[in-house]
Protein backbone atom coordinates (compact mmCIF):
# COMPACT_ATOMS: atom_id res chain seq x y z
CA MET A 1 -0.29 -0.03 0.21
CA SER A 2 1.19 3.58 -1.18
CA LEU A 3 0.87 6.68 0.98
CA ARG A 4 0.88 9.94 -0.08
CA THR A 5 1.06 13.11 3.06
CA CYS A 6 -1.49 15.82 2.90
CA LEU A 7 -2.03 18.72 5.25
CA LEU A 8 -4.70 18.36 8.00
CA ALA A 9 -5.80 21.37 10.52
CA GLY A 10 -4.58 20.47 13.24
CA SER A 11 -3.44 16.62 12.12
CA ALA A 12 -2.68 14.48 8.51
CA LEU A 13 -4.49 13.02 5.92
CA LEU A 14 -2.87 9.68 4.41
CA LEU A 15 -4.22 8.95 0.62
CA ALA A 16 -3.48 5.43 0.17
CA THR A 17 -3.45 2.79 -2.86
CA GLY A 18 -5.37 0.19 -1.65
CA PRO A 19 -7.42 -3.19 -2.65
CA GLY A 20 -7.98 -2.73 -6.64
CA GLY A 21 -5.90 0.49 -6.59
CA ALA A 22 -8.55 2.57 -5.44
CA GLN A 23 -7.41 5.67 -3.62
CA VAL A 24 -8.78 6.19 -0.34
CA ALA A 25 -8.28 8.54 2.30
CA VAL A 26 -6.93 8.03 5.89
CA THR A 27 -7.24 10.44 8.77
CA SER A 28 -5.09 10.66 11.91
CA GLY A 29 -7.67 13.21 13.61
CA ALA A 30 -10.13 15.40 12.83
CA GLY A 31 -10.18 18.39 10.42
CA ALA A 32 -10.96 19.18 6.91
CA PRO A 33 -7.66 19.27 4.81
CA SER A 34 -6.03 22.41 3.74
CA THR A 35 -3.95 20.84 0.98
CA LEU A 36 -4.07 17.35 -1.06
CA ASP A 37 -0.94 15.83 -2.99
CA LEU A 38 -2.42 14.91 -6.05
CA PRO A 39 -0.59 13.84 -8.83
CA ASP A 40 -0.59 16.50 -12.06
CA PRO A 41 -3.38 15.85 -14.27
CA ASP A 42 -2.88 13.63 -17.55
CA LEU A 43 -4.39 15.16 -20.47
CA SER A 44 -3.36 11.79 -22.59
CA HIS A 45 -5.72 9.97 -19.90
CA ASP A 46 -8.34 7.84 -22.59
CA VAL A 47 -9.03 5.00 -20.67
CA ALA A 48 -12.55 3.34 -20.92
CA ASN A 49 -12.73 0.43 -18.87
CA TYR A 50 -16.20 -1.00 -18.24
CA THR A 51 -16.88 -4.38 -16.19
CA ARG A 52 -19.37 -6.99 -17.41
CA GLN A 53 -22.11 -8.11 -15.65
CA VAL A 54 -22.73 -11.83 -14.57
CA GLY A 55 -25.19 -12.11 -11.94
CA TRP A 56 -25.46 -13.82 -8.43
CA PRO A 57 -25.18 -17.29 -8.27
CA GLU A 58 -28.04 -19.17 -6.53
CA GLY A 59 -27.23 -18.86 -2.69
CA ALA A 60 -24.09 -16.11 -2.98
CA ALA A 61 -24.19 -13.13 -1.35
CA PRO A 62 -21.40 -10.14 -0.73
CA LYS A 63 -19.07 -10.10 2.22
CA ALA A 64 -19.81 -8.26 5.34
CA PRO A 65 -16.95 -7.97 8.52
CA GLU A 66 -16.89 -10.61 11.19
CA GLY A 67 -20.09 -10.68 13.35
CA PHE A 68 -22.73 -9.49 10.15
CA THR A 69 -24.60 -11.65 7.98
CA VAL A 70 -25.84 -10.79 4.66
CA THR A 71 -29.62 -12.16 3.34
CA ARG A 72 -31.84 -11.27 0.29
CA PHE A 73 -34.30 -8.61 1.76
CA ALA A 74 -35.42 -8.88 -1.87
CA GLU A 75 -34.66 -9.66 -5.24
CA GLY A 76 -35.91 -9.92 -8.90
CA LEU A 77 -36.05 -6.26 -8.98
CA ASP A 78 -35.41 -4.15 -11.79
CA ASN A 79 -32.37 -2.53 -11.33
CA PRO A 80 -33.36 -1.02 -7.84
CA ARG A 81 -30.87 2.39 -7.08
CA TRP A 82 -32.60 3.83 -4.64
CA ILE A 83 -34.14 3.23 -1.10
CA HIS A 84 -36.12 5.39 1.19
CA VAL A 85 -37.31 3.95 4.56
CA LEU A 86 -41.00 5.04 5.94
CA ASP A 87 -41.84 5.48 9.69
CA ASN A 88 -43.54 2.19 9.54
CA GLY A 89 -40.79 0.34 8.44
CA ASP A 90 -41.49 -0.26 4.87
CA VAL A 91 -39.07 0.17 2.05
CA LEU A 92 -39.46 2.29 -1.19
CA VAL A 93 -37.21 1.61 -3.90
CA ALA A 94 -36.20 3.38 -6.96
CA GLU A 95 -36.32 1.42 -9.94
CA ALA A 96 -34.66 2.75 -13.08
CA ALA A 97 -31.91 3.00 -14.84
CA THR A 98 -29.35 5.19 -17.58
CA ARG A 99 -31.54 5.43 -21.04
CA PRO A 100 -28.63 5.58 -23.85
CA LYS A 101 -28.81 9.31 -25.72
CA GLU A 102 -27.72 9.58 -29.54
CA PRO A 103 -24.11 9.40 -29.83
CA LYS A 104 -22.54 12.87 -30.69
CA ASP A 105 -19.46 11.13 -32.33
CA GLU A 106 -17.73 7.86 -32.58
CA GLU A 107 -15.36 8.08 -29.59
CA GLU A 108 -19.27 8.29 -27.75
CA ARG A 109 -21.06 5.56 -29.56
CA ARG A 110 -17.62 3.50 -29.47
CA LYS A 111 -18.37 3.74 -25.35
CA GLN A 112 -22.28 3.52 -25.35
CA GLU A 113 -21.17 0.06 -27.28
CA LEU A 114 -19.05 -0.62 -23.97
CA GLN A 115 -22.04 0.27 -21.69
CA LYS A 116 -24.50 -1.94 -23.71
CA ALA A 117 -22.21 -4.93 -23.44
CA SER A 118 -21.73 -4.29 -19.64
CA GLY A 119 -25.40 -3.52 -18.86
CA THR A 120 -24.79 0.18 -18.10
CA LEU A 121 -27.45 1.17 -20.17
CA LYS A 122 -30.65 -0.26 -20.83
CA ASP A 123 -34.64 0.34 -20.76
CA SER A 124 -35.58 1.82 -17.21
CA ALA A 125 -38.57 0.23 -15.29
CA ASP A 126 -39.45 3.76 -14.19
CA ARG A 127 -41.52 2.69 -10.99
CA ILE A 128 -41.30 3.06 -7.15
CA SER A 129 -41.84 -0.28 -5.15
CA LEU A 130 -43.17 -0.97 -1.97
CA LEU A 131 -41.59 -3.87 -0.22
CA ARG A 132 -42.79 -4.76 2.96
CA ASP A 133 -41.54 -7.48 5.86
CA SER A 134 -45.09 -8.09 7.46
CA ASP A 135 -43.65 -10.59 9.70
CA SER A 136 -40.02 -9.03 10.78
CA ASP A 137 -38.16 -11.95 9.87
CA GLY A 138 -36.00 -9.94 7.63
CA THR A 139 -37.28 -11.04 3.94
CA VAL A 140 -39.56 -9.17 2.06
CA ASP A 141 -43.48 -10.86 1.77
CA GLU A 142 -45.48 -7.94 0.39
CA LYS A 143 -44.02 -6.15 -3.15
CA SER A 144 -45.98 -3.97 -4.54
CA ALA A 145 -45.58 -1.67 -7.40
CA LEU A 146 -46.20 1.74 -5.34
CA LEU A 147 -46.02 4.62 -8.22
CA GLU A 148 -45.68 3.42 -12.29
CA ASN A 149 -45.03 5.15 -15.58
CA LEU A 150 -42.49 7.96 -14.17
CA ASN A 151 -39.48 9.58 -15.40
CA GLN A 152 -36.48 7.92 -14.23
CA PRO A 153 -37.61 8.39 -10.65
CA PHE A 154 -34.90 8.52 -7.89
CA GLY A 155 -35.17 10.51 -4.98
CA MET A 156 -37.82 10.48 -2.51
CA ALA A 157 -38.98 12.24 0.69
CA ARG A 158 -41.78 11.71 2.17
CA VAL A 159 -43.11 14.41 4.80
CA GLY A 160 -46.70 14.05 6.65
CA ASP A 161 -49.02 12.80 3.99
CA THR A 162 -47.33 14.18 1.20
CA LEU A 163 -44.63 11.64 -0.54
CA PHE A 164 -42.37 13.97 -2.59
CA VAL A 165 -40.60 12.17 -5.90
CA ALA A 166 -37.74 13.34 -7.71
CA ASN A 167 -37.92 12.32 -11.54
CA THR A 168 -35.02 13.17 -13.69
CA ASP A 169 -36.96 16.49 -14.64
CA ALA A 170 -39.03 17.27 -12.40
CA VAL A 171 -40.14 17.34 -8.27
CA LEU A 172 -43.60 15.81 -7.88
CA ARG A 173 -45.64 15.40 -5.12
CA PHE A 174 -48.63 12.70 -4.51
CA PRO A 175 -50.95 12.26 -1.40
CA TYR A 176 -49.92 9.01 0.62
CA GLN A 177 -51.07 7.89 3.98
CA GLU A 178 -49.05 5.42 6.14
CA GLY A 179 -49.64 1.94 4.79
CA GLN A 180 -50.96 2.47 1.49
CA THR A 181 -49.48 -0.03 -1.11
CA ARG A 182 -50.24 1.49 -4.29
CA ILE A 183 -51.04 5.30 -5.24
CA GLU A 184 -53.38 6.07 -8.05
CA ALA A 185 -53.77 10.34 -7.85
CA LYS A 186 -52.45 12.00 -10.42
CA GLY A 187 -48.70 13.71 -9.33
CA GLU A 188 -48.33 17.25 -8.68
CA THR A 189 -45.28 18.69 -10.36
CA ILE A 190 -44.08 21.18 -7.97
CA LEU A 191 -40.87 22.04 -9.45
CA ASP A 192 -39.42 21.45 -13.04
CA LEU A 193 -35.81 20.64 -13.39
CA PRO A 194 -32.95 20.11 -16.37
CA ALA A 195 -33.17 16.56 -17.46
CA GLY A 196 -30.19 14.29 -17.14
CA GLY A 197 -27.34 15.55 -19.22
CA TYR A 198 -25.32 14.11 -22.18
CA ASN A 199 -23.46 12.74 -19.63
CA ASN A 200 -26.23 10.47 -17.94
CA HIS A 201 -26.15 12.65 -14.83
CA TRP A 202 -29.67 12.01 -14.86
CA THR A 203 -30.38 11.29 -11.09
CA ARG A 204 -31.87 13.70 -8.86
CA ASN A 205 -32.17 13.09 -4.72
CA LEU A 206 -34.49 14.56 -2.23
CA LEU A 207 -33.78 15.76 1.62
CA ALA A 208 -36.80 17.04 3.70
CA SER A 209 -35.48 19.56 6.20
CA GLU A 210 -36.38 18.29 9.65
CA ASP A 211 -39.44 20.39 10.09
CA GLY A 212 -40.37 19.51 6.69
CA SER A 213 -40.74 22.74 5.47
CA LYS A 214 -37.69 22.30 2.82
CA ILE A 215 -36.72 19.99 0.20
CA TYR A 216 -33.14 19.94 -0.81
CA VAL A 217 -32.65 18.52 -4.65
CA SER A 218 -29.41 17.13 -5.59
CA VAL A 219 -28.87 17.90 -9.39
CA GLY A 220 -25.75 16.85 -11.45
CA SER A 221 -23.91 18.47 -13.82
CA ALA A 222 -25.01 18.00 -17.98
CA SER A 223 -21.44 16.92 -18.72
CA ASN A 224 -17.30 15.80 -17.76
CA VAL A 225 -16.21 19.33 -17.09
CA ALA A 226 -18.63 21.86 -19.24
CA GLU A 227 -17.63 20.71 -22.09
CA PHE A 228 -21.00 21.86 -24.01
CA GLY A 229 -20.91 25.14 -21.98
CA MET A 230 -21.86 26.69 -19.43
CA LYS A 231 -25.92 27.44 -20.66
CA GLU A 232 -26.19 24.05 -20.28
CA GLU A 233 -24.96 23.82 -17.04
CA GLU A 234 -27.77 26.45 -15.23
CA ARG A 235 -29.34 25.13 -12.14
CA ARG A 236 -27.06 22.13 -12.22
CA ALA A 237 -23.90 20.56 -10.44
CA GLY A 238 -25.19 21.80 -7.19
CA ILE A 239 -27.81 21.60 -4.46
CA LEU A 240 -31.17 23.57 -4.93
CA GLU A 241 -33.47 24.16 -1.77
CA ILE A 242 -37.40 25.02 -2.35
CA ALA A 243 -40.33 25.56 -0.10
CA ALA A 244 -42.24 22.17 0.81
CA ASP A 245 -44.60 23.54 -2.03
CA GLY A 246 -41.84 23.97 -4.60
CA SER A 247 -41.51 27.76 -4.09
CA GLY A 248 -38.54 29.71 -3.35
CA GLU A 249 -36.09 28.12 -5.71
CA ARG A 250 -32.44 29.06 -4.48
CA ILE A 251 -29.32 27.16 -4.92
CA PHE A 252 -27.78 26.77 -2.03
CA ALA A 253 -24.13 25.39 -2.44
CA ALA A 254 -22.70 25.37 -6.20
CA GLY A 255 -19.93 23.75 -7.85
CA LEU A 256 -20.73 19.85 -6.99
CA ARG A 257 -20.13 17.92 -10.03
CA ASN A 258 -22.60 15.09 -9.06
CA PRO A 259 -23.76 15.05 -5.67
CA VAL A 260 -26.42 12.55 -5.29
CA GLY A 261 -26.08 11.04 -1.43
CA MET A 262 -27.23 13.32 0.95
CA GLY A 263 -28.27 12.99 4.86
CA TRP A 264 -28.00 14.97 7.87
CA ASN A 265 -25.12 14.62 9.99
CA PRO A 266 -26.38 12.85 13.58
CA ALA A 267 -23.77 15.24 15.59
CA THR A 268 -23.85 18.61 13.97
CA GLY A 269 -27.35 18.60 12.05
CA GLU A 270 -25.44 19.97 9.23
CA LEU A 271 -26.00 18.61 4.92
CA TRP A 272 -23.83 16.24 3.69
CA THR A 273 -23.25 14.98 0.49
CA ALA A 274 -21.67 12.04 -1.75
CA VAL A 275 -20.04 13.73 -4.96
CA ASN A 276 -19.22 11.83 -8.15
CA GLU A 277 -15.84 13.65 -9.26
CA ARG A 278 -14.17 14.64 -12.93
CA ASP A 279 -13.00 12.33 -15.65
CA GLU A 280 -10.52 12.38 -18.34
CA ILE A 281 -7.31 13.75 -16.63
CA GLY A 282 -5.93 10.19 -14.49
CA ASP A 283 -6.47 7.29 -12.79
CA ALA A 284 -5.69 8.92 -9.37
CA LEU A 285 -7.38 11.57 -10.63
CA VAL A 286 -9.77 13.37 -9.49
CA PRO A 287 -11.26 11.90 -6.11
CA ASP A 288 -15.04 11.46 -5.28
CA TYR A 289 -15.66 12.85 -1.74
CA MET A 290 -17.91 13.21 0.83
CA THR A 291 -18.83 17.02 2.26
CA SER A 292 -20.52 18.79 4.74
CA VAL A 293 -22.66 21.65 2.35
CA LYS A 294 -22.05 24.77 3.23
CA GLU A 295 -25.09 27.42 2.67
CA ASN A 296 -24.35 29.57 -0.67
CA ALA A 297 -20.76 27.61 -0.73
CA PHE A 298 -18.73 26.57 -4.40
CA TYR A 299 -16.93 23.56 -4.52
CA GLY A 300 -15.21 23.97 -7.59
CA TRP A 301 -16.87 22.37 -10.74
CA PRO A 302 -15.88 22.81 -13.53
CA TYR A 303 -12.84 25.02 -13.25
CA SER A 304 -10.79 23.55 -9.88
CA TYR A 305 -10.87 20.31 -8.07
CA PHE A 306 -10.92 19.39 -4.71
CA GLY A 307 -10.22 23.11 -3.39
CA GLN A 308 -8.02 25.40 -5.93
CA ASN A 309 -6.57 22.83 -8.04
CA GLU A 310 -7.10 24.74 -11.43
CA ASP A 311 -8.47 21.87 -14.35
CA PRO A 312 -6.44 23.19 -17.18
CA ARG A 313 -9.27 22.43 -19.39
CA ARG A 314 -11.01 25.52 -18.03
CA ALA A 315 -7.65 27.11 -17.30
CA GLY A 316 -7.63 31.16 -16.34
CA GLU A 317 -11.64 31.42 -17.28
CA ALA A 318 -12.85 32.17 -13.43
CA PRO A 319 -10.05 33.06 -11.28
CA ASP A 320 -12.24 34.47 -8.77
CA LEU A 321 -14.23 31.04 -8.12
CA VAL A 322 -11.37 28.95 -8.00
CA ALA A 323 -10.04 31.42 -5.32
CA LYS A 324 -12.91 30.86 -3.12
CA ALA A 325 -13.68 27.03 -3.63
CA LEU A 326 -13.77 25.36 -0.98
CA VAL A 327 -12.11 21.57 -0.02
CA PRO A 328 -14.09 19.03 0.59
CA ASP A 329 -14.34 17.06 4.21
CA PHE A 330 -13.24 13.77 2.93
CA ALA A 331 -11.82 11.68 -0.12
CA LEU A 332 -13.22 8.15 -1.47
CA GLY A 333 -11.36 7.13 -4.03
CA ALA A 334 -10.80 8.69 -7.49
CA HIS A 335 -13.52 7.10 -9.93
CA THR A 336 -15.28 4.93 -7.57
CA ALA A 337 -19.01 5.97 -8.20
CA SER A 338 -19.77 7.05 -4.80
CA LEU A 339 -23.50 7.46 -4.89
CA GLY A 340 -24.93 6.17 -1.96
CA LEU A 341 -24.55 7.73 1.79
CA ALA A 342 -25.95 6.83 5.18
CA PHE A 343 -25.46 7.71 8.06
CA TYR A 344 -25.82 5.46 10.85
CA GLU A 345 -28.06 6.23 13.90
CA GLY A 346 -29.31 2.96 14.89
CA ASP A 347 -28.03 0.83 17.74
CA ALA A 348 -28.27 -2.55 16.02
CA PHE A 349 -24.32 -2.29 15.32
CA PRO A 350 -21.39 -1.93 17.03
CA ARG A 351 -20.59 1.36 18.80
CA LYS A 352 -17.86 2.24 16.56
CA TYR A 353 -20.71 2.47 13.22
CA ARG A 354 -22.24 5.10 15.90
CA ASP A 355 -22.77 7.67 13.60
CA GLY A 356 -20.41 6.76 10.84
CA ALA A 357 -21.30 6.88 7.13
CA PHE A 358 -21.65 4.35 4.83
CA VAL A 359 -21.07 4.98 1.29
CA GLY A 360 -22.51 3.01 -1.82
CA GLN A 361 -19.79 3.02 -4.34
CA ARG A 362 -20.83 1.72 -7.79
CA GLY A 363 -17.97 1.53 -9.70
CA SER A 364 -15.41 2.53 -11.94
CA TRP A 365 -15.04 2.95 -15.71
CA ASN A 366 -12.10 5.92 -16.71
CA ARG A 367 -9.53 3.92 -14.78
CA SER A 368 -7.00 1.42 -15.73
CA ASP A 369 -7.61 -0.74 -12.20
CA PHE A 370 -11.35 -1.35 -10.85
CA SER A 371 -12.04 0.77 -8.23
CA GLY A 372 -15.11 0.99 -6.08
CA TYR A 373 -17.67 -1.78 -5.82
CA ARG A 374 -18.11 -1.95 -2.72
CA VAL A 375 -19.73 -0.57 0.14
CA ALA A 376 -17.26 1.72 2.34
CA PHE A 377 -17.49 2.53 5.90
CA VAL A 378 -16.09 6.08 7.26
CA PRO A 379 -16.19 6.27 11.07
CA PHE A 380 -17.27 9.51 12.79
CA GLU A 381 -16.48 11.14 15.70
CA ASN A 382 -18.31 14.37 17.12
CA GLY A 383 -19.54 15.03 12.87
CA LYS A 384 -16.42 14.60 11.64
CA PRO A 385 -14.35 12.08 9.30
CA THR A 386 -12.08 10.35 12.00
CA GLY A 387 -9.89 7.51 10.79
CA ALA A 388 -9.92 5.15 7.43
CA ILE A 389 -12.59 4.32 4.97
CA GLU A 390 -12.87 0.82 5.85
CA ASP A 391 -14.45 -2.29 3.35
CA PHE A 392 -17.88 -2.81 4.84
CA LEU A 393 -19.80 -5.07 2.08
CA THR A 394 -17.22 -6.36 -0.95
CA GLY A 395 -17.70 -8.97 -3.43
CA PHE A 396 -19.55 -7.05 -6.40
CA LEU A 397 -16.38 -7.22 -8.26
CA LYS A 398 -16.08 -10.98 -9.15
CA ASP A 399 -13.05 -10.91 -11.04
CA ALA A 400 -10.74 -8.07 -11.01
CA GLU A 401 -8.73 -8.99 -14.00
CA THR A 402 -11.69 -9.88 -16.23
CA GLY A 403 -14.07 -7.18 -14.93
CA GLU A 404 -16.63 -9.73 -14.33
CA THR A 405 -19.23 -8.21 -11.79
CA HIS A 406 -21.87 -9.98 -9.74
CA GLY A 407 -23.60 -6.46 -9.08
CA ARG A 408 -23.45 -2.57 -8.28
CA PRO A 409 -24.49 -1.49 -4.72
CA VAL A 410 -25.65 2.22 -5.23
CA GLY A 411 -28.58 3.11 -2.42
CA VAL A 412 -27.91 2.50 1.14
CA ALA A 413 -30.32 3.27 4.07
CA VAL A 414 -30.74 1.96 7.81
CA ALA A 415 -33.81 -0.15 8.10
CA LYS A 416 -36.30 0.57 11.27
CA ASP A 417 -34.65 -2.30 13.23
CA GLY A 418 -31.73 -1.16 12.19
CA ALA A 419 -30.15 -3.66 9.35
CA LEU A 420 -28.51 -1.76 6.68
CA LEU A 421 -30.07 -2.23 3.16
CA VAL A 422 -28.01 -1.90 0.24
CA ALA A 423 -29.31 -1.70 -3.68
CA ASP A 424 -27.91 -3.42 -5.93
CA ASP A 425 -29.16 -1.89 -9.22
CA ALA A 426 -26.82 -4.38 -11.49
CA GLY A 427 -27.50 -7.44 -9.60
CA GLY A 428 -31.68 -6.48 -9.21
CA ILE A 429 -31.58 -7.50 -5.00
CA VAL A 430 -31.72 -5.08 -1.96
CA TRP A 431 -29.78 -7.08 0.13
CA ARG A 432 -29.92 -6.67 4.39
CA VAL A 433 -26.79 -7.06 6.66
CA ALA A 434 -27.78 -7.46 9.98
CA ALA A 435 -25.59 -7.66 13.01
CA GLN A 436 -25.39 -11.18 14.88
């Protein structure tokens, strides 16, 4: 394992190249990195290294640490991407997938063919299913289509008798009563959104404030590094804030290339997000990250990365924005596709997991060696990351040489009983990880 030392406020940060070549951040104390010793960008980097989905054999499962069991909570799902747990224990799962777009050139056509072969591009189910474990045995015994005919649904949030759903192009609200297994009412659009961009950042996540008065909406960029122009990026690459009726839209934070997972830090009450960073400037650039999200803050995209490291493809375009770009709190490894984010507030897991963060890493494509393909855990103390990122759920990557995968983890959520639920979109399974 190779290490590079970076400075932190009052501590040190080590960047470690771990299993599979994944770059990870290891903190020896609390604090935010003030500098990050990253390699120089490589503008000749041209890697399209896609995996091939082979599925899970009967009886097989990912591997968790000693003291945990992994079971199939629900299977036979169609690209389960995201999970939302209701107060009564029912579990909502958004089933949706990336749709292919007309390629703009031969290079895009080549990449699309590779993605289709890997199972990344396919038809989208456009459904939210409700899963119920009525006898509390850890396996779903009731499954129903709560909502159908949506448009690439992803984020969900329930506030009182209202269920909010984020399609790729709008936030909708539906009347919903606890225990209901089917919604027939037509959804009301409360906010139009720019639909998924050419670079397939189509997911739109939702998070309600504690009092339910505000909804936070994450919107990814339409491109890798604004190659289609900044006009195409309006209301993208950031987190929007709206009132629960859709009014009062404002940009809460900007410069976040593709923020997906969001959660409230249980110790501080701060909004945190997991962000996918840019591609095509090196195997080790740019680290995906998770960070607290400061109101009215700017996080660099597309002009700089991980603070004020200027992207040579946008050099000199916005020095004022680069100068104020904030450094994220914690690096999660380059090209890991860190999507899922869930703070653990349950009491069923050992004490070390309390208030820490689970991160679903769907896995790389723009990297010579595969990275991600796991659920990782980052310990927290007093609201800050306090140690090395750890494997928590592995085995999704079947063979690092051939690129065969059993599945790919995305959404993570804590069930009512304290177990961890993991949406394996390529495997069509929701996994349940429980302490023995």
